[in-house]
Protein backbone atom coordinates (compact mmCIF):
# COMPACT_ATOMS: atom_id res chain seq x y z
CA UNK A 1 0.00 0.00 0.00
CA UNK A 2 1.52 3.37 -0.98
CA UNK A 3 2.42 5.74 1.85
CA UNK A 4 -0.04 8.59 2.43
CA UNK A 5 1.35 11.96 1.35
CA UNK A 6 -1.00 14.48 3.01
CA UNK A 7 -1.41 15.25 6.72
CA UNK A 8 -5.07 14.13 6.67
CA UNK A 9 -4.31 10.84 4.88
CA UNK A 10 -1.35 10.08 7.16
CA UNK A 11 -3.44 10.82 10.24
CA UNK A 12 -6.30 8.64 8.95
CA UNK A 13 -3.87 5.75 8.33
CA UNK A 14 -2.53 5.96 11.89
CA UNK A 15 -5.99 6.16 13.46
CA UNK A 16 -7.20 3.19 11.39
CA UNK A 17 -4.22 1.27 12.73
CA UNK A 18 -5.12 2.25 16.27
CA UNK A 19 -8.69 1.02 15.76
CA UNK A 20 -7.28 -2.36 14.74
CA UNK A 21 -5.06 -2.36 17.85
CA UNK A 22 -8.08 -1.68 20.09
CA UNK A 23 -10.18 -4.41 18.46
CA UNK A 24 -7.35 -6.93 18.13
CA UNK A 25 -7.93 -7.18 14.37
CA UNK A 26 -4.27 -6.54 13.56
CA UNK A 27 -2.79 -6.55 10.06
CA UNK A 28 0.90 -6.34 11.09
CA UNK A 29 1.65 -4.52 7.82
CA UNK A 30 5.13 -4.05 6.38
CA UNK A 31 6.79 -6.58 8.68
CA UNK A 32 8.31 -9.20 6.40
CA UNK A 33 11.57 -9.79 4.49
CA UNK A 34 10.09 -8.24 1.32
CA UNK A 35 9.42 -5.00 3.17
CA UNK A 36 12.88 -5.13 4.75
CA UNK A 37 14.45 -5.36 1.30
CA UNK A 38 12.22 -2.61 -0.09
CA UNK A 39 13.23 -0.06 2.55
CA UNK A 40 16.86 -1.15 2.92
CA UNK A 41 18.17 1.50 0.51
CA UNK A 42 15.81 4.38 1.36
CA UNK A 43 12.91 5.28 3.60
CA UNK A 44 9.87 7.51 3.27
CA UNK A 45 8.01 7.40 6.59
CA UNK A 46 4.60 9.09 6.53
CA UNK A 47 4.62 10.03 10.23
CA UNK A 48 6.89 11.13 13.06
CA UNK A 49 5.85 10.17 16.59
CA UNK A 50 7.26 11.66 19.78
CA UNK A 51 6.15 9.46 22.64
CA UNK A 52 7.18 8.40 26.12
CA UNK A 53 9.80 5.75 26.96
CA UNK A 54 7.08 3.73 28.75
CA UNK A 55 7.37 0.04 27.82
CA UNK A 56 3.59 -0.20 27.37
CA UNK A 57 3.39 2.51 24.69
CA UNK A 58 5.31 1.39 21.57
CA UNK A 59 3.98 3.57 18.70
CA UNK A 60 4.69 1.01 15.97
CA UNK A 61 2.43 -1.53 17.72
CA UNK A 62 -0.42 0.67 18.91
CA UNK A 63 -0.79 2.19 15.44
CA UNK A 64 -0.34 -1.27 13.79
CA UNK A 65 2.45 -0.07 11.50
CA UNK A 66 5.62 -1.67 10.19
CA UNK A 67 9.15 -1.14 8.89
CA UNK A 68 9.75 2.22 7.25
CA UNK A 69 6.37 3.71 8.26
CA UNK A 70 7.29 5.94 11.20
CA UNK A 71 10.11 8.00 12.62
CA UNK A 72 9.88 7.41 16.38
CA UNK A 73 11.45 9.49 19.15
CA UNK A 74 10.88 8.43 22.76
CA UNK A 75 11.78 10.45 25.85
CA UNK A 76 10.56 10.43 29.45
CA UNK A 77 7.22 12.25 29.48
CA UNK A 78 7.82 13.42 25.87
CA UNK A 79 10.38 15.88 27.26
CA UNK A 80 11.99 17.92 24.51
CA UNK A 81 15.24 19.82 24.08
CA UNK A 82 17.32 20.82 21.04
CA UNK A 83 18.41 17.30 20.04
CA UNK A 84 14.91 15.86 20.41
CA UNK A 85 13.32 18.79 18.57
CA UNK A 86 15.87 18.34 15.78
CA UNK A 87 15.03 14.65 15.60
CA UNK A 88 11.30 15.42 15.35
CA UNK A 89 12.00 18.01 12.63
CA UNK A 90 14.15 15.60 10.61
CA UNK A 91 11.35 13.87 8.67
CA UNK A 92 9.27 16.94 7.80
CA UNK A 93 12.31 19.07 6.95
CA UNK A 94 14.36 16.54 4.97
CA UNK A 95 11.81 14.28 3.30
CA UNK A 96 8.42 15.94 3.53
CA UNK A 97 6.93 13.69 6.24
CA UNK A 98 3.41 15.19 6.53
CA UNK A 99 2.53 14.32 10.14
CA UNK A 100 3.94 14.69 13.65
CA UNK A 101 2.14 13.11 16.59
CA UNK A 102 3.05 13.99 20.18
CA UNK A 103 1.72 11.02 22.16
CA UNK A 104 1.26 11.16 25.92
CA UNK A 105 -0.34 8.40 27.94
CA UNK A 106 -2.32 7.44 31.01
CA UNK A 107 -0.49 6.84 34.30
CA UNK A 108 2.83 8.24 33.03
CA UNK A 109 5.58 7.46 35.54
CA UNK A 110 7.88 10.22 34.28
CA UNK A 111 5.15 12.84 34.65
CA UNK A 112 4.24 11.53 38.10
CA UNK A 113 7.88 11.66 39.27
CA UNK A 114 8.29 15.19 37.87
CA UNK A 115 5.01 16.32 39.45
CA UNK A 116 6.03 15.05 42.90
CA UNK A 117 9.55 16.50 42.57
CA UNK A 118 8.22 19.96 41.71
CA UNK A 119 5.41 19.83 44.27
CA UNK A 120 7.74 18.79 47.09
CA UNK A 121 10.75 20.85 45.99
CA UNK A 122 12.93 17.72 45.92
CA UNK A 123 15.18 17.39 42.85
CA UNK A 124 15.51 13.95 41.27
CA UNK A 125 18.97 12.34 41.03
CA UNK A 126 21.32 12.66 38.09
CA UNK A 127 20.00 13.57 34.67
CA UNK A 128 16.44 12.73 35.72
CA UNK A 129 16.33 16.33 36.88
CA UNK A 130 16.61 17.43 33.23
CA UNK A 131 13.26 15.69 32.59
CA UNK A 132 11.74 17.48 35.58
CA UNK A 133 12.93 20.83 34.23
CA UNK A 134 11.52 20.10 30.76
CA UNK A 135 8.14 19.20 32.26
CA UNK A 136 7.90 22.26 34.52
CA UNK A 137 5.65 24.31 32.18
CA UNK A 138 3.13 21.42 32.15
CA UNK A 139 3.33 21.25 35.94
CA UNK A 140 2.56 24.96 36.22
CA UNK A 141 -0.41 24.58 33.86
CA UNK A 142 -1.74 21.61 35.84
CA UNK A 143 -1.52 23.59 39.08
CA UNK A 144 -3.45 26.46 37.47
CA UNK A 145 -6.13 24.12 36.11
CA UNK A 146 -6.62 22.15 39.33
CA UNK A 147 -8.90 19.10 39.16
CA UNK A 148 -9.09 15.74 40.84
CA UNK A 149 -6.08 14.07 39.22
CA UNK A 150 -3.25 16.59 38.82
CA UNK A 151 -0.83 14.02 37.33
CA UNK A 152 -3.27 13.19 34.49
CA UNK A 153 -3.89 16.92 33.99
CA UNK A 154 -0.13 17.49 33.80
CA UNK A 155 0.36 14.60 31.34
CA UNK A 156 -2.28 16.05 29.00
CA UNK A 157 -0.86 19.56 29.40
CA UNK A 158 2.59 18.26 28.45
CA UNK A 159 1.20 16.85 25.18
CA UNK A 160 -0.67 20.02 24.27
CA UNK A 161 2.19 22.38 25.17
CA UNK A 162 4.75 20.27 23.29
CA UNK A 163 2.56 19.99 20.18
CA UNK A 164 1.96 23.75 20.25
CA UNK A 165 5.70 24.44 20.63
CA UNK A 166 6.49 22.26 17.61
CA UNK A 167 3.61 23.57 15.51
CA UNK A 168 4.64 27.19 16.05
CA UNK A 169 8.43 26.96 16.00
CA UNK A 170 10.39 28.83 13.31
CA UNK A 171 11.25 25.70 11.32
CA UNK A 172 7.94 23.84 11.28
CA UNK A 173 5.34 26.64 11.30
CA UNK A 174 5.89 27.52 7.59
CA UNK A 175 5.11 23.88 6.66
CA UNK A 176 2.02 23.91 8.89
CA UNK A 177 0.80 27.19 7.36
CA UNK A 178 1.20 25.77 3.84
CA UNK A 179 -0.85 22.71 4.80
CA UNK A 180 2.09 20.35 4.19
CA UNK A 181 2.37 19.31 7.84
CA UNK A 182 0.06 18.70 10.79
CA UNK A 183 1.22 18.45 14.40
CA UNK A 184 -1.25 16.44 16.47
CA UNK A 185 -1.35 16.14 20.25
CA UNK A 186 -2.75 12.75 21.31
CA UNK A 187 -3.23 10.68 24.44
CA UNK A 188 -3.07 6.89 24.82
CA UNK A 189 -5.20 4.92 27.26
CA UNK A 190 -3.33 2.00 28.79
CA UNK A 191 -6.69 0.50 29.80
CA UNK A 192 -8.38 0.49 26.39
CA UNK A 193 -5.54 0.87 23.87
CA UNK A 194 -7.34 3.82 22.32
CA UNK A 195 -5.61 6.99 21.11
CA UNK A 196 -7.59 10.15 21.83
CA UNK A 197 -6.84 13.36 19.93
CA UNK A 198 -6.21 16.42 22.11
CA UNK A 199 -5.25 19.01 19.48
CA UNK A 200 -4.30 19.69 15.89
CA UNK A 201 -6.10 16.90 13.97
CA UNK A 202 -5.92 17.69 10.23
CA UNK A 203 -9.23 18.02 8.41
C-alpha atoms as a PDB file:
ATOM      1  CA  UNK A   1       0.000   0.000   0.000  1.00  0.00           C
ATOM      2  CA  UNK A   2       1.524   3.366  -0.980  1.00  0.00           C
ATOM      3  CA  UNK A   3       2.418   5.740   1.845  1.00  0.00           C
ATOM      4  CA  UNK A   4      -0.038   8.594   2.434  1.00  0.00           C
ATOM      5  CA  UNK A   5       1.349  11.965   1.354  1.00  0.00           C
ATOM      6  CA  UNK A   6      -0.998  14.483   3.012  1.00  0.00           C
ATOM      7  CA  UNK A   7      -1.410  15.250   6.720  1.00  0.00           C
ATOM      8  CA  UNK A   8      -5.068  14.129   6.669  1.00  0.00           C
ATOM      9  CA  UNK A   9      -4.313  10.843   4.883  1.00  0.00           C
ATOM     10  CA  UNK A  10      -1.347  10.078   7.164  1.00  0.00           C
ATOM     11  CA  UNK A  11      -3.443  10.819  10.242  1.00  0.00           C
ATOM     12  CA  UNK A  12      -6.305   8.643   8.947  1.00  0.00           C
ATOM     13  CA  UNK A  13      -3.865   5.750   8.332  1.00  0.00           C
ATOM     14  CA  UNK A  14      -2.533   5.961  11.889  1.00  0.00           C
ATOM     15  CA  UNK A  15      -5.985   6.163  13.463  1.00  0.00           C
ATOM     16  CA  UNK A  16      -7.203   3.194  11.392  1.00  0.00           C
ATOM     17  CA  UNK A  17      -4.219   1.267  12.728  1.00  0.00           C
ATOM     18  CA  UNK A  18      -5.123   2.250  16.275  1.00  0.00           C
ATOM     19  CA  UNK A  19      -8.693   1.019  15.761  1.00  0.00           C
ATOM     20  CA  UNK A  20      -7.276  -2.360  14.741  1.00  0.00           C
ATOM     21  CA  UNK A  21      -5.059  -2.357  17.853  1.00  0.00           C
ATOM     22  CA  UNK A  22      -8.078  -1.681  20.090  1.00  0.00           C
ATOM     23  CA  UNK A  23     -10.180  -4.406  18.464  1.00  0.00           C
ATOM     24  CA  UNK A  24      -7.352  -6.935  18.130  1.00  0.00           C
ATOM     25  CA  UNK A  25      -7.934  -7.180  14.368  1.00  0.00           C
ATOM     26  CA  UNK A  26      -4.275  -6.538  13.557  1.00  0.00           C
ATOM     27  CA  UNK A  27      -2.788  -6.553  10.059  1.00  0.00           C
ATOM     28  CA  UNK A  28       0.901  -6.340  11.095  1.00  0.00           C
ATOM     29  CA  UNK A  29       1.646  -4.519   7.823  1.00  0.00           C
ATOM     30  CA  UNK A  30       5.127  -4.054   6.377  1.00  0.00           C
ATOM     31  CA  UNK A  31       6.790  -6.580   8.679  1.00  0.00           C
ATOM     32  CA  UNK A  32       8.310  -9.200   6.397  1.00  0.00           C
ATOM     33  CA  UNK A  33      11.566  -9.791   4.487  1.00  0.00           C
ATOM     34  CA  UNK A  34      10.088  -8.240   1.316  1.00  0.00           C
ATOM     35  CA  UNK A  35       9.423  -4.995   3.172  1.00  0.00           C
ATOM     36  CA  UNK A  36      12.878  -5.128   4.754  1.00  0.00           C
ATOM     37  CA  UNK A  37      14.453  -5.362   1.297  1.00  0.00           C
ATOM     38  CA  UNK A  38      12.216  -2.610  -0.093  1.00  0.00           C
ATOM     39  CA  UNK A  39      13.227  -0.058   2.553  1.00  0.00           C
ATOM     40  CA  UNK A  40      16.855  -1.154   2.920  1.00  0.00           C
ATOM     41  CA  UNK A  41      18.168   1.497   0.513  1.00  0.00           C
ATOM     42  CA  UNK A  42      15.809   4.379   1.363  1.00  0.00           C
ATOM     43  CA  UNK A  43      12.910   5.282   3.604  1.00  0.00           C
ATOM     44  CA  UNK A  44       9.869   7.514   3.270  1.00  0.00           C
ATOM     45  CA  UNK A  45       8.013   7.403   6.593  1.00  0.00           C
ATOM     46  CA  UNK A  46       4.601   9.092   6.534  1.00  0.00           C
ATOM     47  CA  UNK A  47       4.618  10.032  10.227  1.00  0.00           C
ATOM     48  CA  UNK A  48       6.891  11.132  13.062  1.00  0.00           C
ATOM     49  CA  UNK A  49       5.847  10.175  16.589  1.00  0.00           C
ATOM     50  CA  UNK A  50       7.265  11.660  19.777  1.00  0.00           C
ATOM     51  CA  UNK A  51       6.146   9.458  22.642  1.00  0.00           C
ATOM     52  CA  UNK A  52       7.184   8.396  26.115  1.00  0.00           C
ATOM     53  CA  UNK A  53       9.797   5.754  26.961  1.00  0.00           C
ATOM     54  CA  UNK A  54       7.080   3.730  28.754  1.00  0.00           C
ATOM     55  CA  UNK A  55       7.367   0.040  27.820  1.00  0.00           C
ATOM     56  CA  UNK A  56       3.590  -0.195  27.368  1.00  0.00           C
ATOM     57  CA  UNK A  57       3.387   2.513  24.687  1.00  0.00           C
ATOM     58  CA  UNK A  58       5.305   1.389  21.566  1.00  0.00           C
ATOM     59  CA  UNK A  59       3.979   3.569  18.704  1.00  0.00           C
ATOM     60  CA  UNK A  60       4.686   1.007  15.968  1.00  0.00           C
ATOM     61  CA  UNK A  61       2.427  -1.530  17.719  1.00  0.00           C
ATOM     62  CA  UNK A  62      -0.417   0.669  18.914  1.00  0.00           C
ATOM     63  CA  UNK A  63      -0.793   2.187  15.438  1.00  0.00           C
ATOM     64  CA  UNK A  64      -0.337  -1.273  13.789  1.00  0.00           C
ATOM     65  CA  UNK A  65       2.454  -0.071  11.499  1.00  0.00           C
ATOM     66  CA  UNK A  66       5.619  -1.673  10.188  1.00  0.00           C
ATOM     67  CA  UNK A  67       9.145  -1.141   8.890  1.00  0.00           C
ATOM     68  CA  UNK A  68       9.747   2.216   7.252  1.00  0.00           C
ATOM     69  CA  UNK A  69       6.371   3.707   8.255  1.00  0.00           C
ATOM     70  CA  UNK A  70       7.289   5.944  11.200  1.00  0.00           C
ATOM     71  CA  UNK A  71      10.109   7.995  12.615  1.00  0.00           C
ATOM     72  CA  UNK A  72       9.881   7.412  16.377  1.00  0.00           C
ATOM     73  CA  UNK A  73      11.448   9.492  19.145  1.00  0.00           C
ATOM     74  CA  UNK A  74      10.878   8.428  22.759  1.00  0.00           C
ATOM     75  CA  UNK A  75      11.779  10.453  25.850  1.00  0.00           C
ATOM     76  CA  UNK A  76      10.565  10.430  29.447  1.00  0.00           C
ATOM     77  CA  UNK A  77       7.221  12.255  29.477  1.00  0.00           C
ATOM     78  CA  UNK A  78       7.821  13.425  25.872  1.00  0.00           C
ATOM     79  CA  UNK A  79      10.383  15.883  27.256  1.00  0.00           C
ATOM     80  CA  UNK A  80      11.990  17.921  24.512  1.00  0.00           C
ATOM     81  CA  UNK A  81      15.243  19.820  24.080  1.00  0.00           C
ATOM     82  CA  UNK A  82      17.315  20.821  21.037  1.00  0.00           C
ATOM     83  CA  UNK A  83      18.412  17.297  20.037  1.00  0.00           C
ATOM     84  CA  UNK A  84      14.907  15.860  20.409  1.00  0.00           C
ATOM     85  CA  UNK A  85      13.324  18.787  18.567  1.00  0.00           C
ATOM     86  CA  UNK A  86      15.870  18.345  15.778  1.00  0.00           C
ATOM     87  CA  UNK A  87      15.029  14.651  15.602  1.00  0.00           C
ATOM     88  CA  UNK A  88      11.298  15.423  15.354  1.00  0.00           C
ATOM     89  CA  UNK A  89      11.998  18.007  12.632  1.00  0.00           C
ATOM     90  CA  UNK A  90      14.154  15.603  10.613  1.00  0.00           C
ATOM     91  CA  UNK A  91      11.346  13.868   8.674  1.00  0.00           C
ATOM     92  CA  UNK A  92       9.268  16.938   7.803  1.00  0.00           C
ATOM     93  CA  UNK A  93      12.305  19.075   6.945  1.00  0.00           C
ATOM     94  CA  UNK A  94      14.358  16.537   4.970  1.00  0.00           C
ATOM     95  CA  UNK A  95      11.805  14.281   3.299  1.00  0.00           C
ATOM     96  CA  UNK A  96       8.418  15.942   3.534  1.00  0.00           C
ATOM     97  CA  UNK A  97       6.927  13.694   6.238  1.00  0.00           C
ATOM     98  CA  UNK A  98       3.407  15.194   6.534  1.00  0.00           C
ATOM     99  CA  UNK A  99       2.527  14.325  10.143  1.00  0.00           C
ATOM    100  CA  UNK A 100       3.945  14.692  13.647  1.00  0.00           C
ATOM    101  CA  UNK A 101       2.140  13.113  16.586  1.00  0.00           C
ATOM    102  CA  UNK A 102       3.048  13.988  20.182  1.00  0.00           C
ATOM    103  CA  UNK A 103       1.721  11.018  22.159  1.00  0.00           C
ATOM    104  CA  UNK A 104       1.258  11.160  25.922  1.00  0.00           C
ATOM    105  CA  UNK A 105      -0.337   8.401  27.945  1.00  0.00           C
ATOM    106  CA  UNK A 106      -2.323   7.438  31.007  1.00  0.00           C
ATOM    107  CA  UNK A 107      -0.486   6.837  34.304  1.00  0.00           C
ATOM    108  CA  UNK A 108       2.827   8.236  33.029  1.00  0.00           C
ATOM    109  CA  UNK A 109       5.580   7.463  35.545  1.00  0.00           C
ATOM    110  CA  UNK A 110       7.884  10.225  34.284  1.00  0.00           C
ATOM    111  CA  UNK A 111       5.150  12.836  34.646  1.00  0.00           C
ATOM    112  CA  UNK A 112       4.244  11.534  38.105  1.00  0.00           C
ATOM    113  CA  UNK A 113       7.879  11.664  39.268  1.00  0.00           C
ATOM    114  CA  UNK A 114       8.289  15.195  37.872  1.00  0.00           C
ATOM    115  CA  UNK A 115       5.011  16.318  39.452  1.00  0.00           C
ATOM    116  CA  UNK A 116       6.032  15.052  42.897  1.00  0.00           C
ATOM    117  CA  UNK A 117       9.550  16.500  42.570  1.00  0.00           C
ATOM    118  CA  UNK A 118       8.219  19.959  41.707  1.00  0.00           C
ATOM    119  CA  UNK A 119       5.408  19.834  44.269  1.00  0.00           C
ATOM    120  CA  UNK A 120       7.735  18.794  47.093  1.00  0.00           C
ATOM    121  CA  UNK A 121      10.753  20.845  45.988  1.00  0.00           C
ATOM    122  CA  UNK A 122      12.929  17.716  45.916  1.00  0.00           C
ATOM    123  CA  UNK A 123      15.178  17.393  42.847  1.00  0.00           C
ATOM    124  CA  UNK A 124      15.507  13.955  41.266  1.00  0.00           C
ATOM    125  CA  UNK A 125      18.971  12.338  41.035  1.00  0.00           C
ATOM    126  CA  UNK A 126      21.321  12.661  38.086  1.00  0.00           C
ATOM    127  CA  UNK A 127      19.997  13.573  34.673  1.00  0.00           C
ATOM    128  CA  UNK A 128      16.442  12.726  35.718  1.00  0.00           C
ATOM    129  CA  UNK A 129      16.325  16.330  36.881  1.00  0.00           C
ATOM    130  CA  UNK A 130      16.606  17.430  33.230  1.00  0.00           C
ATOM    131  CA  UNK A 131      13.264  15.694  32.590  1.00  0.00           C
ATOM    132  CA  UNK A 132      11.739  17.478  35.579  1.00  0.00           C
ATOM    133  CA  UNK A 133      12.934  20.826  34.231  1.00  0.00           C
ATOM    134  CA  UNK A 134      11.525  20.104  30.763  1.00  0.00           C
ATOM    135  CA  UNK A 135       8.136  19.198  32.262  1.00  0.00           C
ATOM    136  CA  UNK A 136       7.904  22.256  34.521  1.00  0.00           C
ATOM    137  CA  UNK A 137       5.646  24.306  32.177  1.00  0.00           C
ATOM    138  CA  UNK A 138       3.135  21.417  32.148  1.00  0.00           C
ATOM    139  CA  UNK A 139       3.328  21.245  35.943  1.00  0.00           C
ATOM    140  CA  UNK A 140       2.557  24.958  36.221  1.00  0.00           C
ATOM    141  CA  UNK A 141      -0.405  24.581  33.862  1.00  0.00           C
ATOM    142  CA  UNK A 142      -1.745  21.612  35.840  1.00  0.00           C
ATOM    143  CA  UNK A 143      -1.520  23.590  39.075  1.00  0.00           C
ATOM    144  CA  UNK A 144      -3.453  26.460  37.467  1.00  0.00           C
ATOM    145  CA  UNK A 145      -6.125  24.120  36.110  1.00  0.00           C
ATOM    146  CA  UNK A 146      -6.618  22.146  39.328  1.00  0.00           C
ATOM    147  CA  UNK A 147      -8.901  19.101  39.160  1.00  0.00           C
ATOM    148  CA  UNK A 148      -9.094  15.738  40.842  1.00  0.00           C
ATOM    149  CA  UNK A 149      -6.078  14.073  39.219  1.00  0.00           C
ATOM    150  CA  UNK A 150      -3.248  16.585  38.823  1.00  0.00           C
ATOM    151  CA  UNK A 151      -0.832  14.021  37.326  1.00  0.00           C
ATOM    152  CA  UNK A 152      -3.269  13.194  34.490  1.00  0.00           C
ATOM    153  CA  UNK A 153      -3.887  16.918  33.986  1.00  0.00           C
ATOM    154  CA  UNK A 154      -0.134  17.490  33.795  1.00  0.00           C
ATOM    155  CA  UNK A 155       0.359  14.603  31.338  1.00  0.00           C
ATOM    156  CA  UNK A 156      -2.275  16.046  28.996  1.00  0.00           C
ATOM    157  CA  UNK A 157      -0.864  19.555  29.403  1.00  0.00           C
ATOM    158  CA  UNK A 158       2.589  18.260  28.451  1.00  0.00           C
ATOM    159  CA  UNK A 159       1.200  16.852  25.181  1.00  0.00           C
ATOM    160  CA  UNK A 160      -0.673  20.023  24.268  1.00  0.00           C
ATOM    161  CA  UNK A 161       2.193  22.377  25.173  1.00  0.00           C
ATOM    162  CA  UNK A 162       4.754  20.272  23.293  1.00  0.00           C
ATOM    163  CA  UNK A 163       2.556  19.990  20.183  1.00  0.00           C
ATOM    164  CA  UNK A 164       1.959  23.754  20.248  1.00  0.00           C
ATOM    165  CA  UNK A 165       5.704  24.438  20.633  1.00  0.00           C
ATOM    166  CA  UNK A 166       6.494  22.256  17.614  1.00  0.00           C
ATOM    167  CA  UNK A 167       3.608  23.573  15.506  1.00  0.00           C
ATOM    168  CA  UNK A 168       4.640  27.191  16.047  1.00  0.00           C
ATOM    169  CA  UNK A 169       8.434  26.959  15.997  1.00  0.00           C
ATOM    170  CA  UNK A 170      10.393  28.827  13.305  1.00  0.00           C
ATOM    171  CA  UNK A 171      11.248  25.700  11.319  1.00  0.00           C
ATOM    172  CA  UNK A 172       7.936  23.838  11.283  1.00  0.00           C
ATOM    173  CA  UNK A 173       5.340  26.638  11.296  1.00  0.00           C
ATOM    174  CA  UNK A 174       5.892  27.523   7.587  1.00  0.00           C
ATOM    175  CA  UNK A 175       5.113  23.882   6.662  1.00  0.00           C
ATOM    176  CA  UNK A 176       2.021  23.909   8.888  1.00  0.00           C
ATOM    177  CA  UNK A 177       0.797  27.194   7.364  1.00  0.00           C
ATOM    178  CA  UNK A 178       1.198  25.772   3.836  1.00  0.00           C
ATOM    179  CA  UNK A 179      -0.846  22.706   4.801  1.00  0.00           C
ATOM    180  CA  UNK A 180       2.088  20.351   4.185  1.00  0.00           C
ATOM    181  CA  UNK A 181       2.369  19.310   7.845  1.00  0.00           C
ATOM    182  CA  UNK A 182       0.058  18.695  10.787  1.00  0.00           C
ATOM    183  CA  UNK A 183       1.222  18.452  14.398  1.00  0.00           C
ATOM    184  CA  UNK A 184      -1.252  16.440  16.466  1.00  0.00           C
ATOM    185  CA  UNK A 185      -1.352  16.136  20.247  1.00  0.00           C
ATOM    186  CA  UNK A 186      -2.746  12.752  21.311  1.00  0.00           C
ATOM    187  CA  UNK A 187      -3.230  10.679  24.442  1.00  0.00           C
ATOM    188  CA  UNK A 188      -3.066   6.893  24.818  1.00  0.00           C
ATOM    189  CA  UNK A 189      -5.202   4.921  27.258  1.00  0.00           C
ATOM    190  CA  UNK A 190      -3.332   2.001  28.794  1.00  0.00           C
ATOM    191  CA  UNK A 191      -6.692   0.502  29.804  1.00  0.00           C
ATOM    192  CA  UNK A 192      -8.383   0.491  26.393  1.00  0.00           C
ATOM    193  CA  UNK A 193      -5.538   0.874  23.873  1.00  0.00           C
ATOM    194  CA  UNK A 194      -7.343   3.819  22.318  1.00  0.00           C
ATOM    195  CA  UNK A 195      -5.607   6.992  21.110  1.00  0.00           C
ATOM    196  CA  UNK A 196      -7.592  10.154  21.835  1.00  0.00           C
ATOM    197  CA  UNK A 197      -6.843  13.363  19.929  1.00  0.00           C
ATOM    198  CA  UNK A 198      -6.213  16.416  22.105  1.00  0.00           C
ATOM    199  CA  UNK A 199      -5.254  19.007  19.483  1.00  0.00           C
ATOM    200  CA  UNK A 200      -4.301  19.685  15.891  1.00  0.00           C
ATOM    201  CA  UNK A 201      -6.103  16.899  13.970  1.00  0.00           C
ATOM    202  CA  UNK A 202      -5.920  17.687  10.229  1.00  0.00           C
ATOM    203  CA  UNK A 203      -9.233  18.023   8.409  1.00  0.00           C
END
